[in-house]
Amino acid sequence: MSESAASPCVSICLLNDDDICVGCYRSADEIRLWVSYQPEQRAAVNRLAAERGRQLNPFAG
């Protein structure tokens, strides 16, 4: 598996009011479906999660 397809989980599993994890910034559906995703789909989710993290976390770099 490529590095970009690795799980972004940081073991801080808590969903906000929009069903986005405050630890990895994946949606509840993305977390639930992660095991069934192909590497390309995982990489796409990681890009979306990273963008959410930049938007939701004022301390993200």
PDB file of N, CA and C in Angstrom:
ATOM      1  N   MET A   1       0.860  -1.179   0.000  1.00  0.00           N
ATOM      2  CA  MET A   1       0.000   0.000   0.000  1.00  0.00           C
ATOM      3  C   MET A   1       0.899   1.233   0.000  1.00  0.00           C
ATOM      4  N   SER A   2       0.540   2.209  -0.795  1.00  0.00           N
ATOM      5  CA  SER A   2       1.335   3.428  -0.861  1.00  0.00           C
ATOM      6  C   SER A   2       1.103   4.276   0.372  1.00  0.00           C
ATOM      7  N   GLU A   3       2.051   5.167   0.645  1.00  0.00           N
ATOM      8  CA  GLU A   3       1.951   6.037   1.822  1.00  0.00           C
ATOM      9  C   GLU A   3       0.693   6.890   1.775  1.00  0.00           C
ATOM     10  N   SER A   4       0.294   7.345   0.586  1.00  0.00           N
ATOM     11  CA  SER A   4      -0.890   8.198   0.469  1.00  0.00           C
ATOM     12  C   SER A   4      -2.182   7.441   0.760  1.00  0.00           C
ATOM     13  N   ALA A   5      -2.125   6.109   0.749  1.00  0.00           N
ATOM     14  CA  ALA A   5      -3.326   5.322   1.010  1.00  0.00           C
ATOM     15  C   ALA A   5      -3.368   4.804   2.440  1.00  0.00           C
ATOM     16  N   ALA A   6      -2.430   5.211   3.283  1.00  0.00           N
ATOM     17  CA  ALA A   6      -2.441   4.785   4.682  1.00  0.00           C
ATOM     18  C   ALA A   6      -3.573   5.485   5.420  1.00  0.00           C
ATOM     19  N   SER A   7      -4.112   4.822   6.405  1.00  0.00           N
ATOM     20  CA  SER A   7      -5.197   5.408   7.185  1.00  0.00           C
ATOM     21  C   SER A   7      -4.718   6.666   7.911  1.00  0.00           C
ATOM     22  N   PRO A   8      -5.519   7.717   7.894  1.00  0.00           N
ATOM     23  CA  PRO A   8      -5.154   8.941   8.609  1.00  0.00           C
ATOM     24  C   PRO A   8      -5.541   8.911  10.082  1.00  0.00           C
ATOM     25  N   CYS A   9      -6.045   7.783  10.556  1.00  0.00           N
ATOM     26  CA  CYS A   9      -6.502   7.669  11.940  1.00  0.00           C
ATOM     27  C   CYS A   9      -5.382   8.012  12.921  1.00  0.00           C
ATOM     28  N   VAL A  10      -5.716   8.837  13.907  1.00  0.00           N
ATOM     29  CA  VAL A  10      -4.762   9.203  14.958  1.00  0.00           C
ATOM     30  C   VAL A  10      -5.279   8.776  16.336  1.00  0.00           C
ATOM     31  N   SER A  11      -6.257   7.877  16.341  1.00  0.00           N
ATOM     32  CA  SER A  11      -6.840   7.316  17.573  1.00  0.00           C
ATOM     33  C   SER A  11      -7.495   8.365  18.462  1.00  0.00           C
ATOM     34  N   ILE A  12      -8.013   9.398  17.849  1.00  0.00           N
ATOM     35  CA  ILE A  12      -8.855  10.382  18.541  1.00  0.00           C
ATOM     36  C   ILE A  12     -10.199  10.312  17.815  1.00  0.00           C
ATOM     37  N   CYS A  13     -11.027   9.378  18.224  1.00  0.00           N
ATOM     38  CA  CYS A  13     -12.242   9.051  17.484  1.00  0.00           C
ATOM     39  C   CYS A  13     -13.453   9.716  18.127  1.00  0.00           C
ATOM     40  N   LEU A  14     -13.829  10.839  17.578  1.00  0.00           N
ATOM     41  CA  LEU A  14     -14.972  11.596  18.079  1.00  0.00           C
ATOM     42  C   LEU A  14     -15.571  12.352  16.910  1.00  0.00           C
ATOM     43  N   LEU A  15     -16.853  12.136  16.651  1.00  0.00           N
ATOM     44  CA  LEU A  15     -17.515  12.823  15.543  1.00  0.00           C
ATOM     45  C   LEU A  15     -18.109  14.138  16.016  1.00  0.00           C
ATOM     46  N   ASN A  16     -17.946  15.173  15.193  1.00  0.00           N
ATOM     47  CA  ASN A  16     -18.561  16.462  15.510  1.00  0.00           C
ATOM     48  C   ASN A  16     -20.018  16.451  15.036  1.00  0.00           C
ATOM     49  N   ASP A  17     -20.691  17.575  15.122  1.00  0.00           N
ATOM     50  CA  ASP A  17     -22.107  17.657  14.750  1.00  0.00           C
ATOM     51  C   ASP A  17     -22.350  17.395  13.266  1.00  0.00           C
ATOM     52  N   ASP A  18     -21.309  17.506  12.454  1.00  0.00           N
ATOM     53  CA  ASP A  18     -21.425  17.250  11.015  1.00  0.00           C
ATOM     54  C   ASP A  18     -20.973  15.842  10.639  1.00  0.00           C
ATOM     55  N   ASP A  19     -20.793  14.970  11.632  1.00  0.00           N
ATOM     56  CA  ASP A  19     -20.319  13.593  11.432  1.00  0.00           C
ATOM     57  C   ASP A  19     -18.924  13.531  10.822  1.00  0.00           C
ATOM     58  N   ILE A  20     -18.066  14.478  11.207  1.00  0.00           N
ATOM     59  CA  ILE A  20     -16.669  14.485  10.796  1.00  0.00           C
ATOM     60  C   ILE A  20     -15.835  14.183  12.040  1.00  0.00           C
ATOM     61  N   CYS A  21     -14.911  13.251  11.908  1.00  0.00           N
ATOM     62  CA  CYS A  21     -14.053  12.895  13.038  1.00  0.00           C
ATOM     63  C   CYS A  21     -13.107  14.055  13.346  1.00  0.00           C
ATOM     64  N   VAL A  22     -13.032  14.437  14.611  1.00  0.00           N
ATOM     65  CA  VAL A  22     -12.163  15.551  15.006  1.00  0.00           C
ATOM     66  C   VAL A  22     -10.693  15.117  15.065  1.00  0.00           C
ATOM     67  N   GLY A  23     -10.417  13.838  14.922  1.00  0.00           N
ATOM     68  CA  GLY A  23      -9.042  13.354  14.913  1.00  0.00           C
ATOM     69  C   GLY A  23      -8.462  13.259  13.517  1.00  0.00           C
ATOM     70  N   CYS A  24      -9.192  12.619  12.608  1.00  0.00           N
ATOM     71  CA  CYS A  24      -8.648  12.373  11.256  1.00  0.00           C
ATOM     72  C   CYS A  24      -9.377  13.144  10.156  1.00  0.00           C
ATOM     73  N   TYR A  25     -10.491  13.765  10.503  1.00  0.00           N
ATOM     74  CA  TYR A  25     -11.278  14.591   9.576  1.00  0.00           C
ATOM     75  C   TYR A  25     -11.944  13.805   8.448  1.00  0.00           C
ATOM     76  N   ARG A  26     -12.119  12.501   8.661  1.00  0.00           N
ATOM     77  CA  ARG A  26     -12.926  11.726   7.713  1.00  0.00           C
ATOM     78  C   ARG A  26     -14.375  11.760   8.180  1.00  0.00           C
ATOM     79  N   SER A  27     -15.282  11.597   7.226  1.00  0.00           N
ATOM     80  CA  SER A  27     -16.696  11.510   7.583  1.00  0.00           C
ATOM     81  C   SER A  27     -16.969  10.131   8.173  1.00  0.00           C
ATOM     82  N   ALA A  28     -18.099  10.012   8.842  1.00  0.00           N
ATOM     83  CA  ALA A  28     -18.483   8.723   9.415  1.00  0.00           C
ATOM     84  C   ALA A  28     -18.576   7.661   8.326  1.00  0.00           C
ATOM     85  N   ASP A  29     -19.129   8.010   7.176  1.00  0.00           N
ATOM     86  CA  ASP A  29     -19.223   7.053   6.068  1.00  0.00           C
ATOM     87  C   ASP A  29     -17.838   6.670   5.543  1.00  0.00           C
ATOM     88  N   GLU A  30     -16.943   7.639   5.435  1.00  0.00           N
ATOM     89  CA  GLU A  30     -15.587   7.330   4.959  1.00  0.00           C
ATOM     90  C   GLU A  30     -14.869   6.391   5.919  1.00  0.00           C
ATOM     91  N   ILE A  31     -15.069   6.578   7.198  1.00  0.00           N
ATOM     92  CA  ILE A  31     -14.463   5.689   8.191  1.00  0.00           C
ATOM     93  C   ILE A  31     -15.066   4.289   8.069  1.00  0.00           C
ATOM     94  N   ARG A  32     -16.376   4.238   7.984  1.00  0.00           N
ATOM     95  CA  ARG A  32     -17.079   2.944   7.912  1.00  0.00           C
ATOM     96  C   ARG A  32     -16.692   2.160   6.662  1.00  0.00           C
ATOM     97  N   LEU A  33     -16.534   2.851   5.541  1.00  0.00           N
ATOM     98  CA  LEU A  33     -16.268   2.189   4.264  1.00  0.00           C
ATOM     99  C   LEU A  33     -14.782   2.006   3.963  1.00  0.00           C
ATOM    100  N   TRP A  34     -13.906   2.534   4.816  1.00  0.00           N
ATOM    101  CA  TRP A  34     -12.459   2.530   4.552  1.00  0.00           C
ATOM    102  C   TRP A  34     -11.941   1.155   4.133  1.00  0.00           C
ATOM    103  N   VAL A  35     -12.334   0.107   4.832  1.00  0.00           N
ATOM    104  CA  VAL A  35     -11.802  -1.232   4.549  1.00  0.00           C
ATOM    105  C   VAL A  35     -12.192  -1.736   3.168  1.00  0.00           C
ATOM    106  N   SER A  36     -13.258  -1.205   2.587  1.00  0.00           N
ATOM    107  CA  SER A  36     -13.687  -1.656   1.262  1.00  0.00           C
ATOM    108  C   SER A  36     -13.126  -0.795   0.126  1.00  0.00           C
ATOM    109  N   TYR A  37     -12.476   0.311   0.452  1.00  0.00           N
ATOM    110  CA  TYR A  37     -11.943   1.214  -0.575  1.00  0.00           C
ATOM    111  C   TYR A  37     -10.685   0.655  -1.224  1.00  0.00           C
ATOM    112  N   GLN A  38     -10.556   0.925  -2.515  1.00  0.00           N
ATOM    113  CA  GLN A  38      -9.331   0.650  -3.252  1.00  0.00           C
ATOM    114  C   GLN A  38      -8.299   1.720  -2.892  1.00  0.00           C
ATOM    115  N   PRO A  39      -7.002   1.464  -3.131  1.00  0.00           N
ATOM    116  CA  PRO A  39      -5.976   2.458  -2.789  1.00  0.00           C
ATOM    117  C   PRO A  39      -6.235   3.850  -3.360  1.00  0.00           C
ATOM    118  N   GLU A  40      -6.762   3.931  -4.565  1.00  0.00           N
ATOM    119  CA  GLU A  40      -7.046   5.233  -5.175  1.00  0.00           C
ATOM    120  C   GLU A  40      -8.148   5.965  -4.414  1.00  0.00           C
ATOM    121  N   GLN A  41      -9.150   5.205  -3.970  1.00  0.00           N
ATOM    122  CA  GLN A  41     -10.239   5.793  -3.200  1.00  0.00           C
ATOM    123  C   GLN A  41      -9.725   6.257  -1.835  1.00  0.00           C
ATOM    124  N   ARG A  42      -8.870   5.474  -1.225  1.00  0.00           N
ATOM    125  CA  ARG A  42      -8.294   5.858   0.061  1.00  0.00           C
ATOM    126  C   ARG A  42      -7.471   7.133  -0.078  1.00  0.00           C
ATOM    127  N   ALA A  43      -6.694   7.228  -1.144  1.00  0.00           N
ATOM    128  CA  ALA A  43      -5.889   8.430  -1.371  1.00  0.00           C
ATOM    129  C   ALA A  43      -6.795   9.645  -1.549  1.00  0.00           C
ATOM    130  N   ALA A  44      -7.911   9.476  -2.251  1.00  0.00           N
ATOM    131  CA  ALA A  44      -8.854  10.581  -2.440  1.00  0.00           C
ATOM    132  C   ALA A  44      -9.475  11.002  -1.110  1.00  0.00           C
ATOM    133  N   VAL A  45      -9.839  10.040  -0.285  1.00  0.00           N
ATOM    134  CA  VAL A  45     -10.387  10.349   1.036  1.00  0.00           C
ATOM    135  C   VAL A  45      -9.340  11.077   1.876  1.00  0.00           C
ATOM    136  N   ASN A  46      -8.093  10.642   1.794  1.00  0.00           N
ATOM    137  CA  ASN A  46      -7.031  11.306   2.546  1.00  0.00           C
ATOM    138  C   ASN A  46      -6.870  12.763   2.108  1.00  0.00           C
ATOM    139  N   ARG A  47      -6.986  13.030   0.818  1.00  0.00           N
ATOM    140  CA  ARG A  47      -6.901  14.416   0.336  1.00  0.00           C
ATOM    141  C   ARG A  47      -8.069  15.244   0.867  1.00  0.00           C
ATOM    142  N   LEU A  48      -9.277  14.679   0.832  1.00  0.00           N
ATOM    143  CA  LEU A  48     -10.448  15.381   1.363  1.00  0.00           C
ATOM    144  C   LEU A  48     -10.312  15.623   2.863  1.00  0.00           C
ATOM    145  N   ALA A  49      -9.842  14.621   3.577  1.00  0.00           N
ATOM    146  CA  ALA A  49      -9.682  14.753   5.027  1.00  0.00           C
ATOM    147  C   ALA A  49      -8.642  15.820   5.363  1.00  0.00           C
ATOM    148  N   ALA A  50      -7.563  15.858   4.606  1.00  0.00           N
ATOM    149  CA  ALA A  50      -6.528  16.869   4.846  1.00  0.00           C
ATOM    150  C   ALA A  50      -7.084  18.270   4.610  1.00  0.00           C
ATOM    151  N   GLU A  51      -7.888  18.424   3.574  1.00  0.00           N
ATOM    152  CA  GLU A  51      -8.501  19.730   3.302  1.00  0.00           C
ATOM    153  C   GLU A  51      -9.476  20.107   4.421  1.00  0.00           C
ATOM    154  N   ARG A  52     -10.271  19.151   4.873  1.00  0.00           N
ATOM    155  CA  ARG A  52     -11.178  19.419   5.996  1.00  0.00           C
ATOM    156  C   ARG A  52     -10.389  19.837   7.233  1.00  0.00           C
ATOM    157  N   GLY A  53      -9.281  19.157   7.467  1.00  0.00           N
ATOM    158  CA  GLY A  53      -8.445  19.480   8.614  1.00  0.00           C
ATOM    159  C   GLY A  53      -7.943  20.912   8.555  1.00  0.00           C
ATOM    160  N   ARG A  54      -7.529  21.344   7.376  1.00  0.00           N
ATOM    161  CA  ARG A  54      -7.068  22.733   7.220  1.00  0.00           C
ATOM    162  C   ARG A  54      -8.197  23.721   7.475  1.00  0.00           C
ATOM    163  N   GLN A  55      -9.411  23.353   7.091  1.00  0.00           N
ATOM    164  CA  GLN A  55     -10.562  24.248   7.276  1.00  0.00           C
ATOM    165  C   GLN A  55     -11.066  24.260   8.717  1.00  0.00           C
ATOM    166  N   LEU A  56     -11.033  23.094   9.369  1.00  0.00           N
ATOM    167  CA  LEU A  56     -11.650  22.962  10.690  1.00  0.00           C
ATOM    168  C   LEU A  56     -10.696  23.186  11.849  1.00  0.00           C
ATOM    169  N   ASN A  57      -9.412  23.006  11.627  1.00  0.00           N
ATOM    170  CA  ASN A  57      -8.440  23.110  12.711  1.00  0.00           C
ATOM    171  C   ASN A  57      -7.578  24.355  12.536  1.00  0.00           C
ATOM    172  N   PRO A  58      -7.780  25.369  13.342  1.00  0.00           N
ATOM    173  CA  PRO A  58      -7.005  26.605  13.193  1.00  0.00           C
ATOM    174  C   PRO A  58      -5.518  26.409  13.483  1.00  0.00           C
ATOM    175  N   PHE A  59      -5.147  25.277  14.092  1.00  0.00           N
ATOM    176  CA  PHE A  59      -3.747  25.031  14.432  1.00  0.00           C
ATOM    177  C   PHE A  59      -3.053  24.122  13.434  1.00  0.00           C
ATOM    178  N   ALA A  60      -3.793  23.648  12.429  1.00  0.00           N
ATOM    179  CA  ALA A  60      -3.200  22.755  11.419  1.00  0.00           C
ATOM    180  C   ALA A  60      -2.220  23.548  10.562  1.00  0.00           C
ATOM    181  N   GLY A  61      -1.150  22.900  10.220  1.00  0.00           N
ATOM    182  CA  GLY A  61      -0.100  23.561   9.451  1.00  0.00           C
ATOM    183  C   GLY A  61      -0.225  23.468   7.994  1.00  0.00           C
TER     184      GLY A  61
END
